[in-house]
Amino acid sequence: MGGERLIRYGGGFAEDLVVSARGSWLQTAGGRRILDFTAGQICATVGHNHPRVTAAIRNSLDEVIHLNSWMLSPPVLALADALLATVPAPLDRAMFLSTGGESIEVAVRMAKLSTGRFEVASLTRSWHGLTGGAAALTLAAGRRGYGPTLPGSFALPAPYAYRCPVRACDGRCDCTCLEAGFELFDQASVGSPAAIVAEPVLSAGGVIVPPPGYFARLLELCQEREMLVVFDECQTGLGRLGTMYGFEAFGVVPDFLVLSKTLGGGVPIGAVITSAEIEAICHGRGFVHVTSHVSDPMPAAAALAVLEVVREDGLPARAARAGERLRGHLDELAARHEVVGDVRGMGLLYGLELVEDRDSRRPAEAMGLALTEECERRGLSINLVRGGTGGAANCLRMAPPLTISDDEIDLAAEILDTSLAALPSTSHA
């Protein structure tokens, strides 16, 4: 393929070179068409190479691509106005960066600076990035072999009902994990609680959906400890869960909202949104986070185009409707194939957990790898996520572009069904 001279950064590379992409489809150098049920890296919110996004990038190439960090441009100001118009009070200040990991770093730095404390917790099976501070809060993968993480980092059990971490429920989370997690946090804390970082739905950890009331209770527990709440919506923001933002689906408002992937439409950009009060405290205490690409105009122009398409085309509502269609197919697959132990998700973010049998729930790890390869061979790109260093989740994650058609959803389900049936170790229900 030609990747021998590249540093490998997460397993092997795909065999086929991709030479073009549009909408939900990839084209390889060998002439194959592949239906992309991953939206790239969950970044192609409005589909690959959307004409509004490419036009915004071309326009930036003629006007301004990059500036010194203290210089502003019309695309940055326009993006701030448009983005802040989509969130409720008191969220009314924005900062634009390069990636989700960097944006998590900024949110956590601001939370520590504004509270004057340093202890930060995240959920097991979470993914928040692999830069220094973010890596300390990422518990889905990438932890072993790198030495100590950031002091003051804590883990709370994820609301993983299918494999309850505290053995208190079976199939329906009753939030015992949340209460027990905070009790453990209190016992381990040195008295400096600053923030909680959480995804509305834990994506890389196995598409784990918290139950109703979970985040309302989490906010109460944080308020009791004067901790700030950071919602990492890099994968769930801009319509992915069927609402503009995941926090809306759970009826809460965080102190910080972090965006990246879905905002850029394939262009690297991240955002931190918080309140004027928190921003003023941080500024007064000398907040500094300067990089070469903060407030860059070209990514801002691309993100503004993505946001306009999401709003004008009603993509959150479209994702909710398409998600119902996808869920129907996945439930049918579960009825037909014994290897499907659990179906879970929201909007256009769904997962199938694969098991050797439904009684033991032993993870079908070899099956997961073989199934993704079979799907790829038949023209469907899909992710396998493992769900944590010490965890058991072996989940096929589906996150297609929000512009995907009904016919494309039907085709993906057909390929997945055929691929499941083709594997010799697959038994049928």
Protein backbone atom coordinates (compact mmCIF):
# COMPACT_ATOMS: atom_id res chain seq x y z
CA MET A 1 0.00 0.00 0.00
CA GLY A 2 2.93 2.34 0.62
CA GLY A 3 2.54 3.02 4.34
CA GLU A 4 5.73 1.27 5.38
CA ARG A 5 7.52 4.57 6.05
CA LEU A 6 4.82 5.91 8.34
CA ILE A 7 4.85 5.62 12.13
CA ARG A 8 2.02 3.27 13.09
CA TYR A 9 -0.28 5.02 15.53
CA GLY A 10 -3.08 2.59 16.32
CA GLY A 11 -2.84 -0.79 14.67
CA GLY A 12 -2.35 -1.35 10.97
CA PHE A 13 -3.49 0.74 8.03
CA ALA A 14 -6.30 -0.17 5.65
CA GLU A 15 -5.08 -1.94 2.54
CA ASP A 16 -6.88 0.26 -0.01
CA LEU A 17 -5.85 3.85 -0.72
CA VAL A 18 -8.76 6.26 -0.74
CA VAL A 19 -8.54 8.73 -3.62
CA SER A 20 -11.84 10.59 -3.22
CA ALA A 21 -14.82 10.90 -0.90
CA ARG A 22 -18.25 12.45 -1.27
CA GLY A 23 -21.32 12.20 0.90
CA SER A 24 -21.40 8.77 2.54
CA TRP A 25 -19.06 7.12 0.06
CA LEU A 26 -15.32 6.56 -0.34
CA GLN A 27 -13.60 5.70 -3.62
CA THR A 28 -10.40 3.63 -3.59
CA ALA A 29 -7.50 3.67 -6.01
CA GLY A 30 -8.60 0.24 -7.18
CA GLY A 31 -12.07 1.48 -8.10
CA ARG A 32 -13.99 0.10 -5.09
CA ARG A 33 -16.80 2.14 -3.50
CA ILE A 34 -17.08 1.86 0.28
CA LEU A 35 -20.06 3.02 2.32
CA ASP A 36 -18.59 4.96 5.23
CA PHE A 37 -20.52 4.15 8.40
CA THR A 38 -17.89 5.93 10.51
CA ALA A 39 -18.20 9.45 9.01
CA GLY A 40 -14.43 9.44 8.73
CA GLN A 41 -13.37 9.77 12.33
CA ILE A 42 -16.94 10.87 13.22
CA CYS A 43 -15.96 14.19 11.63
CA ALA A 44 -17.88 14.19 8.32
CA THR A 45 -21.06 15.44 9.98
CA VAL A 46 -22.53 16.78 6.74
CA GLY A 47 -20.95 14.09 4.59
CA HIS A 48 -17.55 14.00 2.94
CA ASN A 49 -16.57 17.04 0.84
CA HIS A 50 -19.86 18.88 1.26
CA PRO A 51 -19.94 21.66 -1.37
CA ARG A 52 -20.66 24.37 1.21
CA VAL A 53 -17.60 23.32 3.22
CA THR A 54 -15.28 23.05 0.24
CA ALA A 55 -16.47 26.46 -1.02
CA ALA A 56 -15.70 28.03 2.37
CA ILE A 57 -12.19 26.53 2.30
CA ARG A 58 -11.56 27.75 -1.27
CA ASN A 59 -12.68 31.23 -0.30
CA SER A 60 -10.27 31.21 2.65
CA LEU A 61 -7.43 30.25 0.34
CA ASP A 62 -8.06 33.48 -1.57
CA GLU A 63 -8.47 35.64 1.55
CA VAL A 64 -6.66 34.49 4.71
CA ILE A 65 -5.61 31.06 5.98
CA HIS A 66 -3.68 31.82 9.16
CA LEU A 67 -2.87 34.76 11.43
CA ASN A 68 -0.97 35.56 14.60
CA SER A 69 -2.86 34.32 17.64
CA TRP A 70 -3.85 37.82 18.84
CA MET A 71 -5.30 38.82 15.43
CA LEU A 72 -8.96 38.15 14.66
CA SER A 73 -10.77 37.69 11.36
CA PRO A 74 -14.40 37.86 10.18
CA PRO A 75 -14.82 34.04 9.99
CA VAL A 76 -13.80 33.64 13.65
CA LEU A 77 -16.21 36.32 14.85
CA ALA A 78 -19.01 34.98 12.64
CA LEU A 79 -18.48 31.44 13.94
CA ALA A 80 -18.53 32.64 17.55
CA ASP A 81 -21.82 34.48 17.00
CA ALA A 82 -23.45 31.58 15.14
CA LEU A 83 -22.25 28.92 17.56
CA LEU A 84 -23.21 30.80 20.71
CA ALA A 85 -26.68 31.34 19.24
CA THR A 86 -27.19 27.56 19.45
CA VAL A 87 -26.48 27.16 23.18
CA PRO A 88 -28.44 28.31 26.25
CA ALA A 89 -27.42 30.79 28.92
CA PRO A 90 -25.06 31.14 30.64
CA LEU A 91 -22.86 29.71 27.85
CA ASP A 92 -21.77 32.82 25.95
CA ARG A 93 -18.00 32.81 25.45
CA ALA A 94 -16.08 30.71 22.88
CA MET A 95 -12.48 29.87 22.04
CA PHE A 96 -11.37 28.05 18.87
CA LEU A 97 -8.48 25.59 18.82
CA SER A 98 -7.22 22.70 16.69
CA THR A 99 -8.43 19.40 18.19
CA GLY A 100 -10.73 17.90 20.77
CA GLY A 101 -7.83 16.86 22.99
CA GLU A 102 -6.48 20.40 23.03
CA SER A 103 -9.96 21.76 23.77
CA ILE A 104 -10.30 19.40 26.73
CA GLU A 105 -6.94 20.69 27.97
CA VAL A 106 -8.25 24.28 27.83
CA ALA A 107 -11.54 23.47 29.57
CA VAL A 108 -9.73 21.62 32.37
CA ARG A 109 -7.13 24.40 32.74
CA MET A 110 -9.91 26.98 33.03
CA ALA A 111 -11.83 24.82 35.50
CA LYS A 112 -8.73 24.49 37.69
CA LEU A 113 -7.86 28.17 37.45
CA SER A 114 -11.38 29.43 38.15
CA THR A 115 -11.99 27.10 41.11
CA GLY A 116 -8.47 27.28 42.52
CA ARG A 117 -8.50 23.49 42.82
CA PHE A 118 -6.95 20.66 40.81
CA GLU A 119 -8.78 17.33 41.18
CA VAL A 120 -10.62 16.20 38.03
CA ALA A 121 -12.71 13.05 37.49
CA SER A 122 -13.87 11.29 34.33
CA LEU A 123 -15.89 8.17 33.59
CA THR A 124 -14.34 4.78 32.96
CA ARG A 125 -14.53 3.88 29.25
CA SER A 126 -14.29 7.57 28.34
CA TRP A 127 -12.27 9.08 25.50
CA HIS A 128 -11.09 12.68 25.83
CA GLY A 129 -7.86 12.69 23.82
CA LEU A 130 -4.25 11.63 24.21
CA THR A 131 -2.45 14.87 24.97
CA GLY A 132 -1.00 15.09 28.48
CA GLY A 133 -3.92 16.27 30.60
CA ALA A 134 -6.59 14.73 28.39
CA ALA A 135 -4.78 11.38 28.41
CA ALA A 136 -5.04 11.31 32.20
CA LEU A 137 -8.84 11.45 31.80
CA THR A 138 -9.09 9.00 28.88
CA LEU A 139 -9.90 5.54 30.20
CA ALA A 140 -11.04 3.70 27.05
CA ALA A 141 -7.54 3.01 25.71
CA GLY A 142 -3.96 4.22 25.45
CA ARG A 143 -3.07 4.18 29.14
CA ARG A 144 -0.47 1.48 29.60
CA GLY A 145 3.25 1.85 29.11
CA TYR A 146 3.54 5.65 29.27
CA GLY A 147 4.28 6.21 32.94
CA PRO A 148 2.42 8.35 35.49
CA THR A 149 -0.55 10.44 34.41
CA LEU A 150 -1.49 13.87 35.73
CA PRO A 151 -1.83 14.02 39.54
CA GLY A 152 -5.36 14.61 40.77
CA SER A 153 -7.06 12.46 38.13
CA PHE A 154 -9.93 10.21 39.26
CA ALA A 155 -12.19 7.61 37.64
CA LEU A 156 -15.93 7.14 38.20
CA PRO A 157 -17.64 3.91 37.07
CA ALA A 158 -19.42 4.31 33.73
CA PRO A 159 -23.18 3.61 33.58
CA TYR A 160 -22.63 0.42 31.60
CA ALA A 161 -25.87 -1.43 32.31
CA TYR A 162 -25.05 -4.51 30.20
CA ARG A 163 -21.97 -5.14 32.37
CA CYS A 164 -22.70 -3.18 35.54
CA PRO A 165 -19.37 -2.08 37.05
CA VAL A 166 -20.71 -2.28 40.62
CA ARG A 167 -22.86 -5.39 40.01
CA ALA A 168 -25.99 -3.53 41.08
CA CYS A 169 -28.13 -3.77 37.95
CA ASP A 170 -28.68 -5.97 34.95
CA GLY A 171 -29.71 -4.28 31.74
CA ARG A 172 -31.03 -1.04 33.21
CA CYS A 173 -28.74 1.36 35.09
CA ASP A 174 -30.16 2.58 38.41
CA CYS A 175 -27.32 5.12 39.00
CA THR A 176 -25.82 3.15 41.89
CA CYS A 177 -22.50 3.40 40.03
CA LEU A 178 -22.71 7.20 40.15
CA GLU A 179 -23.41 7.37 43.89
CA ALA A 180 -20.72 4.79 44.68
CA GLY A 181 -18.27 6.55 42.40
CA PHE A 182 -18.66 9.86 44.21
CA GLU A 183 -18.29 8.14 47.57
CA LEU A 184 -14.97 6.69 46.40
CA PHE A 185 -13.96 10.08 45.02
CA ASP A 186 -14.68 11.73 48.38
CA GLN A 187 -12.57 9.16 50.22
CA ALA A 188 -9.62 9.51 47.84
CA SER A 189 -9.81 13.29 47.44
CA VAL A 190 -7.29 15.53 49.15
CA GLY A 191 -9.92 18.25 49.37
CA SER A 192 -9.35 19.99 46.04
CA PRO A 193 -12.26 18.99 43.74
CA ALA A 194 -12.34 21.05 40.54
CA ALA A 195 -14.31 19.35 37.75
CA ILE A 196 -15.94 16.34 36.14
CA VAL A 197 -15.39 15.62 32.43
CA ALA A 198 -18.01 13.43 30.73
CA GLU A 199 -19.38 12.46 27.32
CA PRO A 200 -23.20 12.46 27.02
CA VAL A 201 -22.86 9.04 25.37
CA LEU A 202 -19.56 7.21 25.83
CA SER A 203 -18.65 6.51 22.23
CA ALA A 204 -15.21 4.90 22.10
CA GLY A 205 -16.02 3.02 25.31
CA GLY A 206 -18.73 0.99 23.60
CA VAL A 207 -21.62 3.41 22.86
CA ILE A 208 -22.82 3.51 26.47
CA VAL A 209 -26.00 5.53 26.99
CA PRO A 210 -26.65 6.84 30.53
CA PRO A 211 -30.20 6.40 31.86
CA PRO A 212 -32.70 9.26 32.32
CA GLY A 213 -31.84 11.34 35.36
CA TYR A 214 -28.16 10.33 35.37
CA PHE A 215 -26.73 13.68 34.41
CA ALA A 216 -29.20 15.65 36.51
CA ARG A 217 -27.95 13.71 39.52
CA LEU A 218 -24.32 14.11 38.41
CA LEU A 219 -24.80 17.90 38.32
CA GLU A 220 -26.33 17.82 41.82
CA LEU A 221 -23.38 15.84 43.17
CA CYS A 222 -20.96 18.25 41.52
CA GLN A 223 -22.77 21.30 42.90
CA GLU A 224 -22.55 19.84 46.41
CA ARG A 225 -18.76 19.75 45.98
CA GLU A 226 -18.54 23.04 44.03
CA MET A 227 -17.15 21.15 41.04
CA LEU A 228 -17.60 22.38 37.47
CA VAL A 229 -19.02 20.11 34.76
CA VAL A 230 -17.31 19.74 31.38
CA PHE A 231 -19.34 18.04 28.64
CA ASP A 232 -17.13 16.54 25.96
CA GLU A 233 -19.35 16.68 22.87
CA CYS A 234 -16.60 16.18 20.32
CA GLN A 235 -18.45 13.11 19.00
CA THR A 236 -22.04 13.91 20.02
CA GLY A 237 -22.42 17.61 19.23
CA LEU A 238 -24.17 19.19 16.23
CA GLY A 239 -27.00 16.71 15.90
CA ARG A 240 -25.37 13.30 16.26
CA LEU A 241 -27.74 12.17 19.06
CA GLY A 242 -30.88 13.62 17.48
CA THR A 243 -30.62 16.94 19.32
CA MET A 244 -28.28 19.81 18.54
CA TYR A 245 -26.20 18.89 21.59
CA GLY A 246 -26.24 15.82 23.78
CA PHE A 247 -26.76 17.80 26.96
CA GLU A 248 -30.16 18.86 25.60
CA ALA A 249 -31.26 15.24 25.36
CA PHE A 250 -30.53 14.82 29.08
CA GLY A 251 -32.05 18.13 30.23
CA VAL A 252 -28.93 19.71 31.73
CA VAL A 253 -26.55 22.58 30.96
CA PRO A 254 -22.81 22.13 31.68
CA ASP A 255 -20.31 24.77 32.77
CA PHE A 256 -18.12 23.96 29.76
CA LEU A 257 -19.05 22.56 26.35
CA VAL A 258 -16.21 21.09 24.29
CA LEU A 259 -16.59 20.49 20.55
CA SER A 260 -14.32 19.31 17.76
CA LYS A 261 -14.85 16.42 15.29
CA THR A 262 -18.44 17.14 14.24
CA LEU A 263 -17.80 20.89 14.09
CA GLY A 264 -15.14 20.86 11.38
CA GLY A 265 -16.71 18.57 8.80
CA GLY A 266 -13.28 17.01 8.29
CA VAL A 267 -11.18 20.12 8.97
CA PRO A 268 -9.26 20.19 12.29
CA ILE A 269 -10.95 22.60 14.70
CA GLY A 270 -12.00 22.45 18.33
CA ALA A 271 -14.04 24.79 20.51
CA VAL A 272 -14.47 25.52 24.20
CA ILE A 273 -17.67 27.31 25.26
CA THR A 274 -18.26 28.60 28.78
CA SER A 275 -19.89 31.46 30.67
CA ALA A 276 -18.83 35.10 30.82
CA GLU A 277 -18.40 34.70 34.59
CA ILE A 278 -15.91 31.84 34.31
CA GLU A 279 -14.08 33.57 31.43
CA ALA A 280 -13.75 36.76 33.49
CA ILE A 281 -12.38 34.91 36.51
CA CYS A 282 -9.83 33.09 34.36
CA HIS A 283 -8.79 36.25 32.55
CA GLY A 284 -8.39 38.06 35.86
CA ARG A 285 -6.13 35.27 37.09
CA GLY A 286 -3.88 35.42 34.02
CA PHE A 287 -5.26 32.56 31.91
CA VAL A 288 -2.87 31.65 29.10
CA HIS A 289 -3.24 29.07 26.36
CA VAL A 290 -1.53 30.25 23.19
CA THR A 291 -0.85 27.96 20.23
CA SER A 292 0.09 28.55 16.61
CA HIS A 293 -3.43 27.86 15.42
CA VAL A 294 -5.80 29.37 17.97
CA SER A 295 -8.51 31.44 16.20
CA ASP A 296 -7.34 30.40 12.73
CA PRO A 297 -9.63 31.81 10.00
CA MET A 298 -9.72 28.91 7.52
CA PRO A 299 -10.94 26.22 9.97
CA ALA A 300 -13.43 28.75 11.36
CA ALA A 301 -14.83 29.35 7.88
CA ALA A 302 -15.22 25.61 7.32
CA ALA A 303 -16.89 25.14 10.71
CA LEU A 304 -19.28 28.02 10.03
CA ALA A 305 -20.33 26.29 6.80
CA VAL A 306 -20.89 23.01 8.68
CA LEU A 307 -22.99 24.77 11.32
CA GLU A 308 -25.09 26.50 8.67
CA VAL A 309 -25.79 23.20 6.89
CA VAL A 310 -26.68 21.47 10.17
CA ARG A 311 -29.17 24.20 11.06
CA GLU A 312 -30.63 24.96 7.63
CA ASP A 313 -31.08 21.29 6.70
CA GLY A 314 -32.46 20.30 10.11
CA LEU A 315 -29.88 17.57 10.57
CA PRO A 316 -30.52 16.91 14.30
CA ALA A 317 -34.16 16.01 13.56
CA ARG A 318 -33.04 14.07 10.51
CA ALA A 319 -30.58 12.12 12.65
CA ALA A 320 -33.37 11.26 15.09
CA ARG A 321 -35.57 9.92 12.27
CA ALA A 322 -32.74 8.07 10.55
CA GLY A 323 -31.69 6.65 13.91
CA GLU A 324 -35.12 5.07 14.36
CA ARG A 325 -34.71 3.36 11.00
CA LEU A 326 -31.21 2.17 11.90
CA ARG A 327 -32.39 0.94 15.31
CA GLY A 328 -35.11 -1.10 13.64
CA HIS A 329 -32.56 -2.85 11.45
CA LEU A 330 -30.22 -3.49 14.38
CA ASP A 331 -33.02 -5.00 16.47
CA GLU A 332 -33.79 -7.34 13.57
CA LEU A 333 -30.12 -8.34 13.40
CA ALA A 334 -30.16 -9.07 17.13
CA ALA A 335 -33.19 -11.30 16.65
CA ARG A 336 -31.47 -13.19 13.84
CA HIS A 337 -27.93 -13.50 15.18
CA GLU A 338 -27.09 -14.92 18.61
CA VAL A 339 -23.70 -13.21 18.57
CA VAL A 340 -25.42 -9.81 19.01
CA GLY A 341 -25.65 -9.47 22.78
CA ASP A 342 -26.83 -5.89 23.07
CA VAL A 343 -28.06 -3.02 20.88
CA ARG A 344 -27.67 0.51 22.23
CA GLY A 345 -27.40 4.09 21.09
CA MET A 346 -29.21 7.32 20.21
CA GLY A 347 -29.74 9.28 17.02
CA LEU A 348 -27.06 8.22 14.55
CA LEU A 349 -24.65 6.79 17.10
CA TYR A 350 -25.30 3.09 17.68
CA GLY A 351 -23.41 0.03 18.80
CA LEU A 352 -23.78 -3.74 18.62
CA GLU A 353 -22.02 -5.59 21.43
CA LEU A 354 -20.82 -8.99 20.26
CA VAL A 355 -20.74 -12.00 22.58
CA GLU A 356 -19.89 -15.68 22.29
CA ASP A 357 -23.29 -16.48 23.78
CA ARG A 358 -25.96 -14.44 25.51
CA ASP A 359 -25.95 -16.44 28.73
CA SER A 360 -22.29 -16.00 29.59
CA ARG A 361 -21.89 -12.68 27.73
CA ARG A 362 -18.27 -13.54 27.03
CA PRO A 363 -16.91 -10.99 24.54
CA ALA A 364 -16.57 -12.38 21.00
CA GLU A 365 -13.27 -10.63 20.36
CA ALA A 366 -12.13 -12.69 17.38
CA MET A 367 -15.60 -12.37 15.90
CA GLY A 368 -15.47 -8.57 16.11
CA LEU A 369 -12.24 -8.34 14.13
CA ALA A 370 -13.39 -10.87 11.55
CA LEU A 371 -16.74 -9.12 11.15
CA THR A 372 -15.25 -5.67 10.51
CA GLU A 373 -12.92 -7.21 7.91
CA GLU A 374 -15.82 -9.02 6.24
CA CYS A 375 -17.90 -5.84 6.16
CA GLU A 376 -14.98 -3.94 4.65
CA ARG A 377 -14.57 -6.63 1.99
CA ARG A 378 -18.24 -6.26 1.10
CA GLY A 379 -18.04 -2.45 0.93
CA LEU A 380 -18.97 -1.21 4.41
CA SER A 381 -16.56 0.66 6.68
CA ILE A 382 -17.42 0.21 10.35
CA ASN A 383 -15.54 0.58 13.65
CA LEU A 384 -14.81 -2.02 16.31
CA VAL A 385 -14.33 -0.44 19.74
CA ARG A 386 -13.06 -2.42 22.71
CA GLY A 387 -14.41 -0.37 25.59
CA GLY A 388 -11.59 0.08 28.04
CA THR A 389 -8.28 -1.23 29.30
CA GLY A 390 -9.88 -3.53 31.84
CA GLY A 391 -13.28 -3.80 30.23
CA ALA A 392 -15.17 -6.34 28.24
CA ALA A 393 -17.07 -4.34 25.63
CA ASN A 394 -16.52 -5.60 22.09
CA CYS A 395 -18.76 -3.28 20.17
CA LEU A 396 -19.38 -2.44 16.52
CA ARG A 397 -19.84 1.33 16.46
CA MET A 398 -21.95 2.98 13.78
CA ALA A 399 -21.78 6.74 13.23
CA PRO A 400 -22.57 7.57 9.59
CA PRO A 401 -22.83 11.14 8.24
CA LEU A 402 -26.03 12.86 9.34
CA THR A 403 -26.86 13.29 5.66
CA ILE A 404 -27.03 9.53 5.04
CA SER A 405 -30.06 8.38 3.05
CA ASP A 406 -32.61 5.72 3.97
CA ASP A 407 -31.37 3.57 1.10
CA GLU A 408 -27.80 3.79 2.40
CA ILE A 409 -28.92 2.77 5.90
CA ASP A 410 -30.80 -0.19 4.40
CA LEU A 411 -27.73 -1.17 2.39
CA ALA A 412 -25.46 -1.01 5.44
CA ALA A 413 -27.85 -3.23 7.40
CA GLU A 414 -27.97 -5.70 4.51
CA ILE A 415 -24.16 -5.88 4.32
CA LEU A 416 -23.91 -6.30 8.07
CA ASP A 417 -26.52 -9.08 8.04
CA THR A 418 -24.79 -10.88 5.17
CA SER A 419 -21.40 -10.50 6.83
CA LEU A 420 -22.69 -11.91 10.13
CA ALA A 421 -24.18 -14.90 8.32
CA ALA A 422 -20.94 -15.49 6.38
CA LEU A 423 -18.80 -15.95 9.47
CA PRO A 424 -18.59 -19.65 10.39
CA SER A 425 -18.68 -19.10 14.16
CA THR A 426 -21.87 -17.06 14.00
CA SER A 427 -24.93 -18.82 15.33
CA HIS A 428 -28.48 -17.65 14.71
CA ALA A 429 -31.10 -16.95 17.31
